[in-house]
Amino acid sequence: MEELADTLVYFAHPYTSCEKGTNEWHNGIIRRFIPKGKRIDSYTAEEISNIEVWCNSLPRRILGYRTPDEVFEAELDRIYRAA
């Protein structure tokens, strides 16, 4: 896969949360709104969208205290400038 896509592939072992700290941190953010054990289909699409907007507007240390939205928009700008 790495050769076909010219990208690096990262593998984390199942049930080893210490190997995927950022993912676990993001799960914790989502759990502020959707408690563990609560079915996600009990939420409306609008509620899920609002959670998504809130999460993507939260600055992250790993992103240099920028928001995921800011990083995504900057990357799109970079791609369009190159094209």
Protein backbone atom coordinates (compact mmCIF):
# COMPACT_ATOMS: atom_id res chain seq x y z
CA MET A 1 0.00 0.00 0.00
CA GLU A 2 2.85 2.40 0.84
CA GLU A 3 4.38 1.88 -2.60
CA LEU A 4 1.09 2.25 -4.49
CA ALA A 5 -0.04 5.42 -2.71
CA ASP A 6 3.44 6.87 -2.11
CA THR A 7 2.57 7.45 1.53
CA LEU A 8 3.49 6.06 4.92
CA VAL A 9 1.11 3.71 6.71
CA TYR A 10 0.90 3.72 10.51
CA PHE A 11 -0.35 0.62 12.32
CA ALA A 12 -1.59 0.67 15.89
CA HIS A 13 -2.29 -2.55 17.76
CA PRO A 14 -5.91 -3.12 18.82
CA TYR A 15 -6.72 -2.23 22.43
CA THR A 16 -3.41 -0.38 22.86
CA SER A 17 -4.54 3.17 23.52
CA CYS A 18 -1.01 4.36 24.32
CA GLU A 19 -0.13 3.93 20.63
CA LYS A 20 -2.87 6.27 19.47
CA GLY A 21 -2.97 9.11 21.95
CA THR A 22 -4.37 11.76 19.61
CA ASN A 23 -7.21 9.48 18.57
CA GLU A 24 -8.04 8.71 22.20
CA TRP A 25 -7.96 12.43 23.03
CA HIS A 26 -10.42 13.13 20.19
CA ASN A 27 -12.68 10.35 21.44
CA GLY A 28 -12.67 12.09 24.83
CA ILE A 29 -13.74 15.36 23.22
CA ILE A 30 -16.65 13.65 21.49
CA ARG A 31 -17.61 11.93 24.78
CA ARG A 32 -18.34 15.39 26.22
CA PHE A 33 -21.44 15.33 24.03
CA ILE A 34 -22.10 11.64 23.42
CA PRO A 35 -21.58 9.57 26.58
CA LYS A 36 -20.11 6.09 26.25
CA GLY A 37 -22.88 3.52 25.84
CA LYS A 38 -25.36 6.02 24.35
CA ARG A 39 -26.45 5.12 20.83
CA ILE A 40 -25.33 7.64 18.25
CA ASP A 41 -28.52 7.10 16.26
CA SER A 42 -30.43 8.75 19.12
CA TYR A 43 -28.92 12.07 17.96
CA THR A 44 -30.19 14.08 15.01
CA ALA A 45 -27.99 14.91 12.04
CA GLU A 46 -28.06 18.54 13.17
CA GLU A 47 -26.83 17.62 16.66
CA ILE A 48 -23.98 15.56 15.19
CA SER A 49 -23.13 18.43 12.85
CA ASN A 50 -23.02 20.88 15.78
CA ILE A 51 -20.66 18.55 17.67
CA GLU A 52 -18.47 18.31 14.57
CA VAL A 53 -18.34 22.11 14.17
CA TRP A 54 -17.46 22.54 17.86
CA CYS A 55 -14.70 19.91 17.68
CA ASN A 56 -13.19 21.37 14.52
CA SER A 57 -13.20 24.87 16.03
CA LEU A 58 -11.19 23.84 19.09
CA PRO A 59 -7.47 24.80 18.90
CA ARG A 60 -5.09 21.86 19.25
CA ARG A 61 -1.57 21.91 20.65
CA ILE A 62 -0.52 19.31 18.07
CA LEU A 63 -1.55 21.79 15.36
CA GLY A 64 0.41 24.68 16.85
CA TYR A 65 -2.71 25.95 18.64
CA ARG A 66 -4.55 26.32 15.35
CA THR A 67 -7.95 24.76 14.79
CA PRO A 68 -8.48 21.79 12.46
CA ASP A 69 -10.61 24.10 10.29
CA GLU A 70 -7.70 26.55 9.96
CA VAL A 71 -5.24 23.80 9.07
CA PHE A 72 -7.63 22.29 6.53
CA GLU A 73 -8.29 25.64 4.85
CA ALA A 74 -4.56 26.41 4.71
CA GLU A 75 -3.90 23.04 3.10
CA LEU A 76 -6.63 23.63 0.52
CA ASP A 77 -5.11 27.03 -0.26
CA ARG A 78 -1.69 25.38 -0.71
CA ILE A 79 -3.13 22.75 -3.04
CA TYR A 80 -5.01 25.29 -5.17
CA ARG A 81 -1.94 27.55 -5.45
CA ALA A 82 0.09 24.59 -6.74
CA ALA A 83 -2.51 23.67 -9.39
